[in-house]
Protein backbone atom coordinates (compact mmCIF):
# COMPACT_ATOMS: atom_id res chain seq x y z
CA MET A 1 149.54 123.13 168.55
CA THR A 2 148.68 124.36 171.95
CA ASP A 3 147.74 128.19 173.05
CA ARG A 4 145.94 128.86 169.89
CA ARG A 5 144.97 132.85 170.24
CA LEU A 6 142.45 133.99 167.41
CA LEU A 7 141.71 137.90 166.92
CA LEU A 8 138.52 138.65 164.96
CA VAL A 9 137.60 142.16 163.92
CA HIS A 10 134.01 143.22 163.29
CA ALA A 11 132.13 146.29 162.48
CA HIS A 12 128.71 146.12 164.24
CA PRO A 13 127.30 143.87 166.83
CA ASP A 14 125.98 140.59 164.98
CA ASP A 15 128.27 140.82 162.15
CA GLU A 16 130.53 138.26 164.15
CA THR A 17 127.49 135.54 164.30
CA ILE A 18 126.46 136.21 161.00
CA GLY A 19 130.11 135.03 159.11
CA THR A 20 131.97 133.72 161.76
CA GLY A 21 129.58 132.33 164.73
CA ALA A 22 130.46 129.13 164.05
CA THR A 23 134.19 129.31 163.62
CA MET A 24 134.08 131.04 167.19
CA ALA A 25 132.07 128.70 168.74
CA LYS A 26 134.48 125.63 167.45
CA TYR A 27 137.77 127.00 168.41
CA VAL A 28 136.12 128.15 171.86
CA ALA A 29 135.08 124.47 172.42
CA GLU A 30 138.32 123.52 171.48
CA GLY A 31 140.39 125.54 174.09
CA ALA A 32 141.36 128.72 171.98
CA HIS A 33 141.50 131.76 173.26
CA VAL A 34 139.25 133.91 171.09
CA THR A 35 139.24 137.39 171.40
CA LEU A 36 136.44 139.49 169.49
CA VAL A 37 136.86 143.15 168.95
CA THR A 38 133.73 145.04 167.53
CA CYS A 39 134.46 148.40 166.19
CA THR A 40 130.98 150.47 166.64
CA LEU A 41 127.69 149.82 168.65
CA GLY A 42 125.67 149.41 165.25
CA GLU A 43 123.69 152.71 165.91
CA GLU A 44 122.39 153.00 162.73
CA GLY A 45 120.68 149.16 162.02
CA GLU A 46 117.16 149.14 160.78
CA ILE A 47 114.87 147.35 163.43
CA ILE A 48 112.69 144.73 162.75
CA PRO A 49 110.45 144.43 166.07
CA LYS A 50 108.03 147.29 165.58
CA ASP A 51 107.90 147.72 169.62
CA LEU A 52 111.39 148.62 169.41
CA ALA A 53 111.22 151.21 166.74
CA HIS A 54 111.44 153.95 169.16
CA LEU A 55 115.09 152.64 169.26
CA ALA A 56 116.11 154.06 165.86
CA ALA A 57 118.85 156.99 165.17
CA ASP A 58 116.14 159.35 164.03
CA GLN A 59 114.21 158.55 167.12
CA ASP A 60 115.39 158.03 170.69
CA ASP A 61 118.76 157.02 169.43
CA ALA A 62 118.83 154.22 171.95
CA LEU A 63 120.11 151.42 169.60
CA GLY A 64 123.62 151.38 170.22
CA PRO A 65 123.17 150.84 173.95
CA TYR A 66 120.53 147.97 173.42
CA ARG A 67 122.68 146.17 171.04
CA VAL A 68 125.59 145.87 173.91
CA GLY A 69 123.29 143.85 175.34
CA GLU A 70 122.26 141.63 172.58
CA LEU A 71 126.03 140.97 171.73
CA ALA A 72 126.70 140.25 175.09
CA ALA A 73 124.07 137.44 174.99
CA ALA A 74 125.49 136.35 171.65
CA CYS A 75 128.94 135.93 172.98
CA GLN A 76 127.62 133.97 175.75
CA ALA A 77 125.76 131.63 173.14
CA LEU A 78 129.03 131.37 171.60
CA GLY A 79 131.35 130.70 174.76
CA VAL A 80 133.11 134.02 174.09
CA GLU A 81 134.34 135.70 176.82
CA ASP A 82 136.98 137.98 175.66
CA HIS A 83 134.95 140.53 173.90
CA ARG A 84 136.32 144.52 173.67
CA PHE A 85 134.84 147.48 171.80
CA LEU A 86 137.77 149.20 169.65
CA GLY A 87 138.85 152.00 172.17
CA GLU A 88 135.83 151.76 174.52
CA PRO A 89 132.13 151.04 173.94
CA GLY A 90 130.75 154.21 171.49
CA ARG A 91 134.03 155.77 170.90
CA TRP A 92 133.41 155.05 167.23
CA ARG A 93 129.83 155.59 165.62
CA ASP A 94 128.18 153.45 162.89
CA SER A 95 128.79 155.52 159.95
CA GLY A 96 125.40 154.24 158.36
CA MET A 97 125.30 152.52 154.63
CA MET A 98 127.42 154.44 151.96
CA GLY A 99 126.56 157.97 151.10
CA ALA A 100 123.96 157.83 153.80
CA ALA A 101 123.99 161.55 155.82
CA SER A 102 125.25 159.48 158.94
CA ASN A 103 128.73 158.69 157.09
CA GLU A 104 129.54 162.51 157.96
CA HIS A 105 128.78 162.34 162.04
CA PRO A 106 131.58 163.59 163.73
CA ARG A 107 132.13 159.98 165.33
CA ALA A 108 131.48 157.99 162.53
CA PHE A 109 133.87 154.93 161.98
CA TRP A 110 134.30 155.65 158.40
CA ARG A 111 135.77 159.31 159.03
CA ALA A 112 138.21 157.74 162.20
CA ASP A 113 142.17 158.38 162.13
CA LEU A 114 143.72 155.33 160.64
CA ASP A 115 146.47 155.30 163.01
CA GLU A 116 144.21 156.40 165.87
CA ALA A 117 141.81 153.57 165.22
CA ALA A 118 144.92 150.77 164.06
CA GLY A 119 146.59 152.02 167.88
CA GLU A 120 143.86 150.88 169.49
CA LEU A 121 143.75 147.34 167.93
CA VAL A 122 147.98 147.31 168.74
CA LYS A 123 147.20 147.49 172.14
CA VAL A 124 144.40 144.41 171.89
CA ILE A 125 146.95 142.48 169.95
CA ARG A 126 149.99 142.80 172.23
CA GLU A 127 148.01 142.10 174.87
CA VAL A 128 146.52 139.32 173.76
CA ARG A 129 149.40 138.21 170.94
CA PRO A 130 146.88 136.25 168.71
CA GLN A 131 148.57 134.04 165.73
CA VAL A 132 145.53 134.60 163.83
CA LEU A 133 143.46 137.33 162.56
CA VAL A 134 140.17 137.52 161.22
CA THR A 135 138.50 140.60 159.06
CA TYR A 136 136.95 141.53 155.95
CA ASP A 137 138.23 141.90 152.50
CA ASP A 138 139.28 145.53 151.53
CA ASN A 139 135.80 145.71 150.01
CA GLY A 140 134.39 145.05 153.48
CA PHE A 141 132.88 142.17 152.68
CA TYR A 142 129.75 143.77 150.79
CA GLY A 143 130.77 147.43 150.57
CA HIS A 144 129.30 148.87 153.94
CA PRO A 145 131.68 151.85 154.97
CA ASP A 146 132.54 150.45 158.47
CA HIS A 147 133.67 146.89 157.19
CA ILE A 148 135.71 148.43 154.57
CA GLN A 149 137.02 151.09 157.91
CA ALA A 150 137.64 147.61 160.08
CA HIS A 151 139.59 146.08 157.05
CA ARG A 152 141.79 149.15 156.86
CA VAL A 153 142.31 149.16 160.50
CA ALA A 154 143.13 145.51 160.73
CA ARG A 155 145.58 145.52 158.21
CA ARG A 156 147.20 149.20 159.78
CA ALA A 157 147.38 147.25 163.11
CA PHE A 158 148.52 143.87 161.36
CA GLU A 159 151.62 146.00 160.28
CA LEU A 160 152.04 148.39 163.40
CA ALA A 161 152.17 145.93 166.01
CA ALA A 162 155.06 144.12 164.71
CA THR A 163 157.12 147.25 165.01
CA ALA A 164 158.65 148.61 167.79
CA GLY A 165 157.62 151.94 169.51
CA PHE A 166 154.47 152.11 168.40
CA GLY A 167 151.84 151.62 170.83
CA ALA A 168 152.18 150.01 174.03
CA GLY A 169 153.89 146.44 174.65
CA GLU A 170 155.88 144.20 172.52
CA PRO A 171 156.15 144.10 169.45
CA TRP A 172 154.16 141.07 167.73
CA GLN A 173 154.03 139.17 164.47
CA ILE A 174 150.76 137.91 163.71
CA ALA A 175 151.20 134.39 161.75
CA LYS A 176 148.46 134.55 159.40
CA PHE A 177 145.42 137.27 158.37
CA TYR A 178 142.51 135.97 157.01
CA HIS A 179 139.64 137.67 155.13
CA THR A 180 135.87 136.36 155.71
CA ALA A 181 134.43 134.73 152.83
CA VAL A 182 131.28 133.22 151.20
CA ALA A 183 131.59 130.73 148.08
CA ARG A 184 128.95 131.26 145.37
CA SER A 185 128.23 128.47 144.93
CA VAL A 186 127.03 127.78 148.28
CA MET A 187 124.78 130.99 148.25
CA ARG A 188 123.48 129.38 144.68
CA ARG A 189 122.72 126.37 146.37
CA GLY A 190 121.04 127.91 149.70
CA ALA A 191 118.71 130.34 147.50
CA GLU A 192 117.46 127.36 145.45
CA ALA A 193 116.75 125.36 148.68
CA LEU A 194 115.03 128.50 150.07
CA ARG A 195 113.34 128.78 147.04
CA ASP A 196 111.67 125.04 147.39
CA SER A 197 111.21 125.54 151.17
CA GLY A 198 108.18 127.37 151.45
CA VAL A 199 109.57 129.64 154.46
CA ASP A 200 108.27 133.14 154.47
CA PHE A 201 111.62 135.19 153.53
CA LEU A 202 112.38 136.45 150.00
CA VAL A 203 114.73 134.79 147.45
CA GLU A 204 116.97 137.11 146.01
CA ASN A 205 119.09 136.68 141.97
CA VAL A 206 122.58 135.75 143.99
CA ASP A 207 124.22 137.46 140.94
CA ASP A 208 123.05 140.59 142.30
CA MET A 209 123.90 140.00 145.73
CA PRO A 210 127.26 142.38 146.63
CA PHE A 211 129.30 139.51 148.01
CA GLY A 212 129.96 136.19 147.25
CA SER A 213 133.62 134.70 146.06
CA PRO A 214 134.72 132.33 143.20
CA ASP A 215 134.96 128.96 144.66
CA GLU A 216 138.69 128.81 143.37
CA ASP A 217 139.63 131.80 145.82
CA ILE A 218 138.45 130.01 148.59
CA THR A 219 141.45 129.10 150.67
CA THR A 220 140.23 127.68 153.78
CA GLU A 221 137.33 125.76 155.00
CA ILE A 222 135.95 125.53 158.91
CA ASP A 223 133.70 122.87 159.28
CA ALA A 224 132.03 123.99 162.71
CA ARG A 225 128.25 121.75 161.93
CA PRO A 226 128.53 120.43 166.07
CA TRP A 227 128.24 123.98 166.76
CA ILE A 228 125.28 125.36 164.64
CA GLY A 229 123.05 125.44 167.64
CA ASN A 230 125.06 127.88 169.40
CA LYS A 231 125.21 130.06 165.85
CA LEU A 232 121.33 129.75 165.50
CA GLU A 233 121.17 130.89 169.54
CA ALA A 234 123.64 133.81 168.83
CA LEU A 235 121.44 134.81 165.85
CA ARG A 236 118.48 135.05 167.72
CA ALA A 237 119.81 137.56 170.21
CA HIS A 238 120.04 139.87 167.94
CA ALA A 239 116.50 139.86 167.52
CA THR A 240 116.55 143.74 166.72
CA GLN A 241 118.85 142.83 163.29
CA ILE A 242 117.84 139.29 162.52
CA SER A 243 114.95 137.06 162.13
CA VAL A 244 115.58 133.10 162.62
CA ASP A 245 113.83 130.46 160.91
CA PRO A 246 115.76 127.70 160.85
CA PRO A 247 118.00 126.78 158.66
CA TRP A 248 117.60 130.29 157.67
CA TYR A 249 117.71 134.20 158.77
CA ALA A 250 116.83 136.97 157.15
CA LEU A 251 118.04 140.93 158.14
CA SER A 252 115.23 143.70 157.63
CA ASN A 253 115.24 143.53 153.81
CA ASN A 254 113.29 139.92 154.49
CA ILE A 255 116.14 138.54 152.12
CA GLY A 256 116.49 135.02 153.07
CA GLN A 257 120.00 133.41 153.74
CA GLU A 258 121.00 130.55 154.90
CA VAL A 259 122.64 129.54 158.21
CA LEU A 260 126.16 128.00 157.35
CA ALA A 261 128.03 125.78 159.91
CA VAL A 262 130.44 125.44 157.37
CA GLU A 263 132.70 128.89 157.22
CA HIS A 264 135.08 130.06 154.56
CA TYR A 265 137.47 132.32 154.45
CA THR A 266 140.64 133.14 152.19
CA LEU A 267 144.34 133.34 153.31
CA ALA A 268 145.16 136.92 152.75
CA ILE A 269 148.85 137.09 154.20
CA GLY A 270 150.56 134.20 155.47
CA VAL A 271 151.94 130.58 154.70
CA PRO A 272 149.14 128.59 154.09
CA GLY A 273 149.05 124.95 156.08
CA PRO A 274 148.66 121.70 154.36
CA PRO A 275 145.47 121.42 152.25
CA VAL A 276 143.31 118.60 152.56
CA PRO A 277 141.91 116.86 150.03
CA GLY A 278 138.16 115.76 149.81
CA PRO A 279 135.01 116.18 148.54
CA PRO A 280 132.87 119.16 149.26
CA VAL A 281 130.93 119.25 153.14
CA GLU A 282 127.55 117.94 152.40
CA SER A 283 125.94 121.09 154.61
CA GLY A 284 127.79 124.21 153.88
CA GLY A 285 130.40 122.49 151.78
CA LEU A 286 131.47 123.67 148.23
CA GLY A 287 129.89 122.35 144.90
CA GLU A 288 133.12 120.48 143.57
CA PRO A 289 136.13 118.66 145.56
CA HIS A 290 138.56 120.48 146.48
CA ASN A 291 141.92 120.73 148.38
CA ARG A 292 142.45 123.50 151.33
CA GLU A 293 143.01 124.23 154.96
CA ASN A 294 140.47 122.94 157.19
CA ASP A 295 142.27 124.80 160.25
CA LEU A 296 143.04 128.68 160.77
CA PHE A 297 146.24 127.89 162.62
CA ALA A 298 147.65 125.07 159.68
CA GLY A 299 150.96 125.24 159.56
CA ILE A 300 151.63 127.54 162.63
CA HIS A 301 153.67 125.83 165.13
């Protein structure tokens, strides 16, 4: 298929790299048009480098603009040239974790009017005309309010973009709508390897982590191992949020996770392409032989 166009909707800077960075780099390298929409500047993030602590929301409140620069560097590492903030930079603000006082900020993305925010995304969809859209599931992958809202906005925009008269431009029907995913078997394998590695990151009990999908729910596996270097460079670009010690990374909680170059997805809407039978991919694959798509564009002509 020619003229492949992929749209990804993420909540904050760094989310794009952690969950989908290798996939993005792969498709860019293969000639697809990859568009990234980020919904907030990540103003409420917890800052790892002590010399940048003054950027925090309860001090200078300057983390958002700083993270704009980090995101630009990450996109460059991944080869992504088409990046936009939803609406405009800073139109909606990072809401912080569920239940935090920052949820009530007047510009908190969690409080955004759904049709207003979706309308901004519709403009992008009708301009770019992607065949494939990627975002989180209805729990926002792990329950963060901005991730949940990103799902809601993307799902609503998916519907509205195909409706004549809503927003600018001609209607456009996206063929496939995916949720990001990480297989539990991959998480368990990574935790075991981290425990034996001697790396100075904490090892979390996988069953206590607020994300992870049963292996049988994974519909699509993207093997992007040749682009692991791009993903590592992009992770390092998000230095306020991420510590990197390959093949591991950690957020401010210092809980280690594997840097995955085989990334998983669940097809939520659309017709699946032909499954590809095969053994688990050695690095980042599932624990059992499987039959699933190996291309987000599979079946689209």
